Structure formats: C-alpha cells, structure tokens
Amino acid sequence: MVMVVWPPKERTMPEDIARYKSPPHKVIEFLKKGRDQLREKYRLLREKHRVAENQIRAVTKSREAWRTRAEAAEAKLKELEKKRQPN
C-alpha cells in the first residue's frame, strides 16, 4: 500500500536540481530554447491569422461593391427594357 502525504512536501530548488543528471545550465538552456521556439511559432501563426483576416475583409468589401454595381446595372436594364416595350 502506498501512503500519500497531503499536502505534498515542498521541495527546495537544490533538491529539485539534484535529481536531474544534466547540469542545470543545460536544462535551463534547453527550456529557454523550447520557449523561444514556441513564441516564434505562435508569433508566425498570429501573423498568418492577421493576414487572413485582412484578406477576408478585402474580399468581402470587394464582393459587396460588385454586388452593388450588379444590382444597379440590373435596375438600369429593367428600366431601359420598360421604356423599349410599347404599351
């Protein structure tokens, strides 16, 4: 049977470091490198997301402008067709 002590005993920094075989400076450098890689990865993702949002906004605006022009042209065409038909 395993006894669990609650709350767990707080460890001091030297005890935590002592259980690793690698020197602390290597572990710290490894963790910093991983952190920096994650930051860069998510920075690039944020940038791609921002570019995609801008592209969506531009396409939506362009589509709305074309829709407005098409509706105006259709209205003008209907008006001209009404004038052309004899009553």
PDB file of N, CA and C in Angstrom:
ATOM      1  N   MET A   1       0.846  -1.179   0.000  1.00  0.00           N
ATOM      2  CA  MET A   1       0.000   0.000   0.000  1.00  0.00           C
ATOM      3  C   MET A   1       0.888   1.238   0.000  1.00  0.00           C
ATOM      4  N   VAL A   2       0.511   2.230  -0.834  1.00  0.00           N
ATOM      5  CA  VAL A   2       1.294   3.456  -0.963  1.00  0.00           C
ATOM      6  C   VAL A   2       0.644   4.525  -0.109  1.00  0.00           C
ATOM      7  N   MET A   3       1.480   5.167   0.709  1.00  0.00           N
ATOM      8  CA  MET A   3       0.965   6.270   1.530  1.00  0.00           C
ATOM      9  C   MET A   3       1.171   7.576   0.790  1.00  0.00           C
ATOM     10  N   VAL A   4       0.123   8.347   0.724  1.00  0.00           N
ATOM     11  CA  VAL A   4       0.201   9.654   0.085  1.00  0.00           C
ATOM     12  C   VAL A   4       0.139  10.700   1.179  1.00  0.00           C
ATOM     13  N   VAL A   5       1.131  11.558   1.182  1.00  0.00           N
ATOM     14  CA  VAL A   5       1.177  12.627   2.171  1.00  0.00           C
ATOM     15  C   VAL A   5       0.562  13.863   1.533  1.00  0.00           C
ATOM     16  N   TRP A   6      -0.441  14.421   2.202  1.00  0.00           N
ATOM     17  CA  TRP A   6      -1.080  15.615   1.671  1.00  0.00           C
ATOM     18  C   TRP A   6      -1.093  16.691   2.703  1.00  0.00           C
ATOM     19  N   PRO A   7      -0.776  17.872   2.431  1.00  0.00           N
ATOM     20  CA  PRO A   7      -0.264  18.389   1.171  1.00  0.00           C
ATOM     21  C   PRO A   7       1.155  17.908   0.927  1.00  0.00           C
ATOM     22  N   PRO A   8       1.545  17.840  -0.330  1.00  0.00           N
ATOM     23  CA  PRO A   8       2.887  17.336  -0.634  1.00  0.00           C
ATOM     24  C   PRO A   8       3.958  18.228  -0.035  1.00  0.00           C
ATOM     25  N   LYS A   9       5.058  17.588   0.322  1.00  0.00           N
ATOM     26  CA  LYS A   9       6.180  18.311   0.914  1.00  0.00           C
ATOM     27  C   LYS A   9       6.772  19.247  -0.138  1.00  0.00           C
ATOM     28  N   GLU A  10       6.980  20.488   0.251  1.00  0.00           N
ATOM     29  CA  GLU A  10       7.583  21.445  -0.683  1.00  0.00           C
ATOM     30  C   GLU A  10       9.058  21.149  -0.819  1.00  0.00           C
ATOM     31  N   ARG A  11       9.517  21.150  -2.059  1.00  0.00           N
ATOM     32  CA  ARG A  11      10.936  20.889  -2.314  1.00  0.00           C
ATOM     33  C   ARG A  11      11.662  22.212  -2.474  1.00  0.00           C
ATOM     34  N   THR A  12      12.875  22.203  -2.086  1.00  0.00           N
ATOM     35  CA  THR A  12      13.694  23.389  -2.306  1.00  0.00           C
ATOM     36  C   THR A  12      14.369  23.239  -3.659  1.00  0.00           C
ATOM     37  N   MET A  13      14.863  24.304  -4.184  1.00  0.00           N
ATOM     38  CA  MET A  13      15.471  24.298  -5.509  1.00  0.00           C
ATOM     39  C   MET A  13      16.637  23.314  -5.614  1.00  0.00           C
ATOM     40  N   PRO A  14      17.580  23.283  -4.661  1.00  0.00           N
ATOM     41  CA  PRO A  14      18.703  22.349  -4.803  1.00  0.00           C
ATOM     42  C   PRO A  14      18.258  20.887  -4.855  1.00  0.00           C
ATOM     43  N   GLU A  15      17.211  20.518  -4.127  1.00  0.00           N
ATOM     44  CA  GLU A  15      16.728  19.137  -4.186  1.00  0.00           C
ATOM     45  C   GLU A  15      16.165  18.821  -5.562  1.00  0.00           C
ATOM     46  N   ASP A  16      15.422  19.759  -6.145  1.00  0.00           N
ATOM     47  CA  ASP A  16      14.862  19.537  -7.476  1.00  0.00           C
ATOM     48  C   ASP A  16      15.962  19.391  -8.516  1.00  0.00           C
ATOM     49  N   ILE A  17      16.943  20.240  -8.435  1.00  0.00           N
ATOM     50  CA  ILE A  17      18.036  20.196  -9.404  1.00  0.00           C
ATOM     51  C   ILE A  17      18.867  18.939  -9.211  1.00  0.00           C
ATOM     52  N   ALA A  18      19.026  18.507  -7.997  1.00  0.00           N
ATOM     53  CA  ALA A  18      19.867  17.351  -7.716  1.00  0.00           C
ATOM     54  C   ALA A  18      19.324  16.067  -8.329  1.00  0.00           C
ATOM     55  N   ARG A  19      18.055  15.963  -8.558  1.00  0.00           N
ATOM     56  CA  ARG A  19      17.523  14.723  -9.102  1.00  0.00           C
ATOM     57  C   ARG A  19      17.723  14.612 -10.615  1.00  0.00           C
ATOM     58  N   TYR A  20      18.150  15.670 -11.293  1.00  0.00           N
ATOM     59  CA  TYR A  20      18.456  15.608 -12.714  1.00  0.00           C
ATOM     60  C   TYR A  20      19.923  15.255 -12.898  1.00  0.00           C
ATOM     61  N   LYS A  21      20.211  14.524 -13.967  1.00  0.00           N
ATOM     62  CA  LYS A  21      21.599  14.161 -14.252  1.00  0.00           C
ATOM     63  C   LYS A  21      22.302  15.247 -15.069  1.00  0.00           C
ATOM     64  N   SER A  22      21.525  15.993 -15.851  1.00  0.00           N
ATOM     65  CA  SER A  22      22.117  17.038 -16.681  1.00  0.00           C
ATOM     66  C   SER A  22      22.464  18.240 -15.823  1.00  0.00           C
ATOM     67  N   PRO A  23      23.497  18.964 -16.213  1.00  0.00           N
ATOM     68  CA  PRO A  23      23.843  20.178 -15.475  1.00  0.00           C
ATOM     69  C   PRO A  23      22.739  21.228 -15.614  1.00  0.00           C
ATOM     70  N   PRO A  24      22.488  22.002 -14.565  1.00  0.00           N
ATOM     71  CA  PRO A  24      21.402  22.990 -14.604  1.00  0.00           C
ATOM     72  C   PRO A  24      21.480  23.950 -15.783  1.00  0.00           C
ATOM     73  N   HIS A  25      22.682  24.395 -16.162  1.00  0.00           N
ATOM     74  CA  HIS A  25      22.778  25.361 -17.257  1.00  0.00           C
ATOM     75  C   HIS A  25      22.297  24.754 -18.573  1.00  0.00           C
ATOM     76  N   LYS A  26      22.482  23.447 -18.751  1.00  0.00           N
ATOM     77  CA  LYS A  26      21.999  22.806 -19.977  1.00  0.00           C
ATOM     78  C   LYS A  26      20.479  22.665 -19.959  1.00  0.00           C
ATOM     79  N   VAL A  27      19.925  22.300 -18.806  1.00  0.00           N
ATOM     80  CA  VAL A  27      18.478  22.167 -18.686  1.00  0.00           C
ATOM     81  C   VAL A  27      17.814  23.522 -18.914  1.00  0.00           C
ATOM     82  N   ILE A  28      18.378  24.556 -18.304  1.00  0.00           N
ATOM     83  CA  ILE A  28      17.820  25.909 -18.447  1.00  0.00           C
ATOM     84  C   ILE A  28      17.884  26.355 -19.903  1.00  0.00           C
ATOM     85  N   GLU A  29      19.015  26.104 -20.553  1.00  0.00           N
ATOM     86  CA  GLU A  29      19.167  26.492 -21.959  1.00  0.00           C
ATOM     87  C   GLU A  29      18.173  25.734 -22.839  1.00  0.00           C
ATOM     88  N   PHE A  30      17.974  24.454 -22.555  1.00  0.00           N
ATOM     89  CA  PHE A  30      17.016  23.641 -23.300  1.00  0.00           C
ATOM     90  C   PHE A  30      15.596  24.195 -23.151  1.00  0.00           C
ATOM     91  N   LEU A  31      15.220  24.534 -21.929  1.00  0.00           N
ATOM     92  CA  LEU A  31      13.884  25.065 -21.685  1.00  0.00           C
ATOM     93  C   LEU A  31      13.695  26.439 -22.333  1.00  0.00           C
ATOM     94  N   LYS A  32      14.723  27.279 -22.265  1.00  0.00           N
ATOM     95  CA  LYS A  32      14.638  28.601 -22.910  1.00  0.00           C
ATOM     96  C   LYS A  32      14.486  28.461 -24.423  1.00  0.00           C
ATOM     97  N   LYS A  33      15.238  27.511 -25.001  1.00  0.00           N
ATOM     98  CA  LYS A  33      15.165  27.306 -26.445  1.00  0.00           C
ATOM     99  C   LYS A  33      13.757  26.849 -26.843  1.00  0.00           C
ATOM    100  N   GLY A  34      13.193  25.929 -26.073  1.00  0.00           N
ATOM    101  CA  GLY A  34      11.835  25.462 -26.342  1.00  0.00           C
ATOM    102  C   GLY A  34      10.822  26.587 -26.223  1.00  0.00           C
ATOM    103  N   ARG A  35      10.994  27.421 -25.183  1.00  0.00           N
ATOM    104  CA  ARG A  35      10.091  28.565 -25.001  1.00  0.00           C
ATOM    105  C   ARG A  35      10.189  29.521 -26.179  1.00  0.00           C
ATOM    106  N   ASP A  36      11.414  29.811 -26.606  1.00  0.00           N
ATOM    107  CA  ASP A  36      11.610  30.734 -27.727  1.00  0.00           C
ATOM    108  C   ASP A  36      11.026  30.173 -29.023  1.00  0.00           C
ATOM    109  N   GLN A  37      11.156  28.850 -29.221  1.00  0.00           N
ATOM    110  CA  GLN A  37      10.593  28.236 -30.424  1.00  0.00           C
ATOM    111  C   GLN A  37       9.069  28.328 -30.416  1.00  0.00           C
ATOM    112  N   LEU A  38       8.466  28.106 -29.253  1.00  0.00           N
ATOM    113  CA  LEU A  38       7.010  28.223 -29.159  1.00  0.00           C
ATOM    114  C   LEU A  38       6.555  29.655 -29.408  1.00  0.00           C
ATOM    115  N   ARG A  39       7.285  30.604 -28.832  1.00  0.00           N
ATOM    116  CA  ARG A  39       6.930  32.009 -29.052  1.00  0.00           C
ATOM    117  C   ARG A  39       6.991  32.357 -30.538  1.00  0.00           C
ATOM    118  N   GLU A  40       8.045  31.906 -31.220  1.00  0.00           N
ATOM    119  CA  GLU A  40       8.197  32.195 -32.640  1.00  0.00           C
ATOM    120  C   GLU A  40       7.083  31.513 -33.443  1.00  0.00           C
ATOM    121  N   LYS A  41       6.781  30.275 -33.096  1.00  0.00           N
ATOM    122  CA  LYS A  41       5.726  29.537 -33.794  1.00  0.00           C
ATOM    123  C   LYS A  41       4.397  30.275 -33.693  1.00  0.00           C
ATOM    124  N   TYR A  42       4.035  30.684 -32.498  1.00  0.00           N
ATOM    125  CA  TYR A  42       2.747  31.343 -32.322  1.00  0.00           C
ATOM    126  C   TYR A  42       2.759  32.782 -32.825  1.00  0.00           C
ATOM    127  N   ARG A  43       3.913  33.428 -32.864  1.00  0.00           N
ATOM    128  CA  ARG A  43       4.011  34.748 -33.476  1.00  0.00           C
ATOM    129  C   ARG A  43       3.703  34.638 -34.965  1.00  0.00           C
ATOM    130  N   LEU A  44       4.273  33.607 -35.612  1.00  0.00           N
ATOM    131  CA  LEU A  44       4.013  33.396 -37.033  1.00  0.00           C
ATOM    132  C   LEU A  44       2.550  33.050 -37.277  1.00  0.00           C
ATOM    133  N   LEU A  45       1.968  32.247 -36.396  1.00  0.00           N
ATOM    134  CA  LEU A  45       0.550  31.914 -36.542  1.00  0.00           C
ATOM    135  C   LEU A  45      -0.336  33.148 -36.392  1.00  0.00           C
ATOM    136  N   ARG A  46       0.003  34.018 -35.429  1.00  0.00           N
ATOM    137  CA  ARG A  46      -0.777  35.259 -35.263  1.00  0.00           C
ATOM    138  C   ARG A  46      -0.670  36.120 -36.513  1.00  0.00           C
ATOM    139  N   GLU A  47       0.538  36.182 -37.086  1.00  0.00           N
ATOM    140  CA  GLU A  47       0.742  36.982 -38.287  1.00  0.00           C
ATOM    141  C   GLU A  47      -0.076  36.420 -39.455  1.00  0.00           C
ATOM    142  N   LYS A  48      -0.060  35.085 -39.628  1.00  0.00           N
ATOM    143  CA  LYS A  48      -0.847  34.467 -40.690  1.00  0.00           C
ATOM    144  C   LYS A  48      -2.343  34.728 -40.477  1.00  0.00           C
ATOM    145  N   HIS A  49      -2.768  34.665 -39.237  1.00  0.00           N
ATOM    146  CA  HIS A  49      -4.170  34.897 -38.913  1.00  0.00           C
ATOM    147  C   HIS A  49      -4.567  36.326 -39.250  1.00  0.00           C
ATOM    148  N   ARG A  50      -3.707  37.275 -38.906  1.00  0.00           N
ATOM    149  CA  ARG A  50      -3.988  38.679 -39.192  1.00  0.00           C
ATOM    150  C   ARG A  50      -4.064  38.910 -40.708  1.00  0.00           C
ATOM    151  N   VAL A  51      -3.149  38.305 -41.460  1.00  0.00           N
ATOM    152  CA  VAL A  51      -3.160  38.450 -42.913  1.00  0.00           C
ATOM    153  C   VAL A  51      -4.443  37.846 -43.489  1.00  0.00           C
ATOM    154  N   ALA A  52      -4.829  36.681 -42.972  1.00  0.00           N
ATOM    155  CA  ALA A  52      -6.054  36.038 -43.458  1.00  0.00           C
ATOM    156  C   ALA A  52      -7.276  36.893 -43.145  1.00  0.00           C
ATOM    157  N   GLU A  53      -7.330  37.471 -41.957  1.00  0.00           N
ATOM    158  CA  GLU A  53      -8.458  38.348 -41.615  1.00  0.00           C
ATOM    159  C   GLU A  53      -8.517  39.549 -42.545  1.00  0.00           C
ATOM    160  N   ASN A  54      -7.369  40.145 -42.832  1.00  0.00           N
ATOM    161  CA  ASN A  54      -7.339  41.289 -43.743  1.00  0.00           C
ATOM    162  C   ASN A  54      -7.798  40.883 -45.139  1.00  0.00           C
ATOM    163  N   GLN A  55      -7.369  39.700 -45.583  1.00  0.00           N
ATOM    164  CA  GLN A  55      -7.770  39.215 -46.902  1.00  0.00           C
ATOM    165  C   GLN A  55      -9.275  38.992 -46.950  1.00  0.00           C
ATOM    166  N   ILE A  56      -9.824  38.395 -45.908  1.00  0.00           N
ATOM    167  CA  ILE A  56     -11.270  38.164 -45.848  1.00  0.00           C
ATOM    168  C   ILE A  56     -12.019  39.487 -45.882  1.00  0.00           C
ATOM    169  N   ARG A  57     -11.524  40.463 -45.119  1.00  0.00           N
ATOM    170  CA  ARG A  57     -12.168  41.773 -45.090  1.00  0.00           C
ATOM    171  C   ARG A  57     -12.138  42.418 -46.471  1.00  0.00           C
ATOM    172  N   ALA A  58     -11.002  42.327 -47.175  1.00  0.00           N
ATOM    173  CA  ALA A  58     -10.878  42.933 -48.504  1.00  0.00           C
ATOM    174  C   ALA A  58     -11.790  42.231 -49.510  1.00  0.00           C
ATOM    175  N   VAL A  59     -11.842  40.910 -49.448  1.00  0.00           N
ATOM    176  CA  VAL A  59     -12.686  40.165 -50.380  1.00  0.00           C
ATOM    177  C   VAL A  59     -14.157  40.484 -50.131  1.00  0.00           C
ATOM    178  N   THR A  60     -14.541  40.559 -48.860  1.00  0.00           N
ATOM    179  CA  THR A  60     -15.930  40.870 -48.528  1.00  0.00           C
ATOM    180  C   THR A  60     -16.304  42.261 -49.033  1.00  0.00           C
ATOM    181  N   LYS A  61     -15.410  43.215 -48.840  1.00  0.00           N
ATOM    182  CA  LYS A  61     -15.672  44.581 -49.304  1.00  0.00           C
ATOM    183  C   LYS A  61     -15.786  44.628 -50.825  1.00  0.00           C
ATOM    184  N   SER A  62     -14.891  43.923 -51.514  1.00  0.00           N
ATOM    185  CA  SER A  62     -14.913  43.898 -52.974  1.00  0.00           C
ATOM    186  C   SER A  62     -16.182  43.229 -53.476  1.00  0.00           C
ATOM    187  N   ARG A  63     -16.551  42.128 -52.847  1.00  0.00           N
ATOM    188  CA  ARG A  63     -17.759  41.404 -53.255  1.00  0.00           C
ATOM    189  C   ARG A  63     -18.999  42.282 -53.086  1.00  0.00           C
ATOM    190  N   GLU A  64     -19.051  43.032 -51.997  1.00  0.00           N
ATOM    191  CA  GLU A  64     -20.191  43.922 -51.745  1.00  0.00           C
ATOM    192  C   GLU A  64     -20.238  45.038 -52.800  1.00  0.00           C
ATOM    193  N   ALA A  65     -19.061  45.557 -53.167  1.00  0.00           N
ATOM    194  CA  ALA A  65     -19.013  46.607 -54.189  1.00  0.00           C
ATOM    195  C   ALA A  65     -19.505  46.064 -55.530  1.00  0.00           C
ATOM    196  N   TRP A  66     -19.076  44.863 -55.895  1.00  0.00           N
ATOM    197  CA  TRP A  66     -19.522  44.271 -57.152  1.00  0.00           C
ATOM    198  C   TRP A  66     -21.016  43.966 -57.114  1.00  0.00           C
ATOM    199  N   ARG A  67     -21.500  43.523 -55.963  1.00  0.00           N
ATOM    200  CA  ARG A  67     -22.934  43.236 -55.838  1.00  0.00           C
ATOM    201  C   ARG A  67     -23.744  44.515 -56.061  1.00  0.00           C
ATOM    202  N   THR A  68     -23.287  45.614 -55.461  1.00  0.00           N
ATOM    203  CA  THR A  68     -23.969  46.905 -55.614  1.00  0.00           C
ATOM    204  C   THR A  68     -23.981  47.334 -57.079  1.00  0.00           C
ATOM    205  N   ARG A  69     -22.839  47.193 -57.756  1.00  0.00           N
ATOM    206  CA  ARG A  69     -22.756  47.563 -59.171  1.00  0.00           C
ATOM    207  C   ARG A  69     -23.680  46.690 -60.027  1.00  0.00           C
ATOM    208  N   ALA A  70     -23.708  45.394 -59.715  1.00  0.00           N
ATOM    209  CA  ALA A  70     -24.554  44.475 -60.492  1.00  0.00           C
ATOM    210  C   ALA A  70     -26.027  44.797 -60.282  1.00  0.00           C
ATOM    211  N   GLU A  71     -26.411  45.089 -59.059  1.00  0.00           N
ATOM    212  CA  GLU A  71     -27.809  45.436 -58.794  1.00  0.00           C
ATOM    213  C   GLU A  71     -28.200  46.725 -59.495  1.00  0.00           C
ATOM    214  N   ALA A  72     -27.301  47.707 -59.503  1.00  0.00           N
ATOM    215  CA  ALA A  72     -27.580  48.969 -60.192  1.00  0.00           C
ATOM    216  C   ALA A  72     -27.710  48.730 -61.695  1.00  0.00           C
ATOM    217  N   ALA A  73     -26.848  47.879 -62.248  1.00  0.00           N
ATOM    218  CA  ALA A  73     -26.916  47.589 -63.690  1.00  0.00           C
ATOM    219  C   ALA A  73     -28.201  46.858 -64.035  1.00  0.00           C
ATOM    220  N   GLU A  74     -28.618  45.924 -63.182  1.00  0.00           N
ATOM    221  CA  GLU A  74     -29.877  45.215 -63.428  1.00  0.00           C
ATOM    222  C   GLU A  74     -31.071  46.166 -63.374  1.00  0.00           C
ATOM    223  N   ALA A  75     -31.060  47.084 -62.415  1.00  0.00           N
ATOM    224  CA  ALA A  75     -32.151  48.045 -62.301  1.00  0.00           C
ATOM    225  C   ALA A  75     -32.207  48.934 -63.542  1.00  0.00           C
ATOM    226  N   LYS A  76     -31.047  49.368 -64.015  1.00  0.00           N
ATOM    227  CA  LYS A  76     -30.990  50.212 -65.207  1.00  0.00           C
ATOM    228  C   LYS A  76     -31.479  49.437 -66.432  1.00  0.00           C
ATOM    229  N   LEU A  77     -31.088  48.167 -66.528  1.00  0.00           N
ATOM    230  CA  LEU A  77     -31.517  47.339 -67.643  1.00  0.00           C
ATOM    231  C   LEU A  77     -33.038  47.158 -67.648  1.00  0.00           C
ATOM    232  N   LYS A  78     -33.606  46.892 -66.477  1.00  0.00           N
ATOM    233  CA  LYS A  78     -35.062  46.753 -66.391  1.00  0.00           C
ATOM    234  C   LYS A  78     -35.767  48.039 -66.797  1.00  0.00           C
ATOM    235  N   GLU A  79     -35.199  49.160 -66.364  1.00  0.00           N
ATOM    236  CA  GLU A  79     -35.788  50.462 -66.714  1.00  0.00           C
ATOM    237  C   GLU A  79     -35.754  50.678 -68.223  1.00  0.00           C
ATOM    238  N   LEU A  80     -34.615  50.359 -68.857  1.00  0.00           N
ATOM    239  CA  LEU A  80     -34.494  50.518 -70.310  1.00  0.00           C
ATOM    240  C   LEU A  80     -35.431  49.566 -71.047  1.00  0.00           C
ATOM    241  N   GLU A  81     -35.589  48.349 -70.537  1.00  0.00           N
ATOM    242  CA  GLU A  81     -36.497  47.397 -71.176  1.00  0.00           C
ATOM    243  C   GLU A  81     -37.948  47.876 -71.075  1.00  0.00           C
ATOM    244  N   LYS A  82     -38.313  48.493 -69.947  1.00  0.00           N
ATOM    245  CA  LYS A  82     -39.682  49.017 -69.802  1.00  0.00           C
ATOM    246  C   LYS A  82     -39.932  50.138 -70.812  1.00  0.00           C
ATOM    247  N   LYS A  83     -38.922  51.008 -71.004  1.00  0.00           N
ATOM    248  CA  LYS A  83     -39.064  52.119 -71.958  1.00  0.00           C
ATOM    249  C   LYS A  83     -39.185  51.586 -73.374  1.00  0.00           C
ATOM    250  N   ARG A  84     -38.508  50.505 -73.661  1.00  0.00           N
ATOM    251  CA  ARG A  84     -38.467  49.961 -75.015  1.00  0.00           C
ATOM    252  C   ARG A  84     -39.775  49.271 -75.400  1.00  0.00           C
ATOM    253  N   GLN A  85     -40.442  48.647 -74.439  1.00  0.00           N
ATOM    254  CA  GLN A  85     -41.670  47.914 -74.747  1.00  0.00           C
ATOM    255  C   GLN A  85     -42.824  48.881 -75.001  1.00  0.00           C
ATOM    256  N   PRO A  86     -43.499  48.703 -76.134  1.00  0.00           N
ATOM    257  CA  PRO A  86     -44.666  49.551 -76.396  1.00  0.00           C
ATOM    258  C   PRO A  86     -45.854  49.085 -75.565  1.00  0.00           C
ATOM    259  N   ASN A  87     -46.620  50.027 -75.069  1.00  0.00           N
ATOM    260  CA  ASN A  87     -47.808  49.685 -74.261  1.00  0.00           C
ATOM    261  C   ASN A  87     -49.060  49.721 -75.053  1.00  0.00           C
TER     262      ASN A  87
END
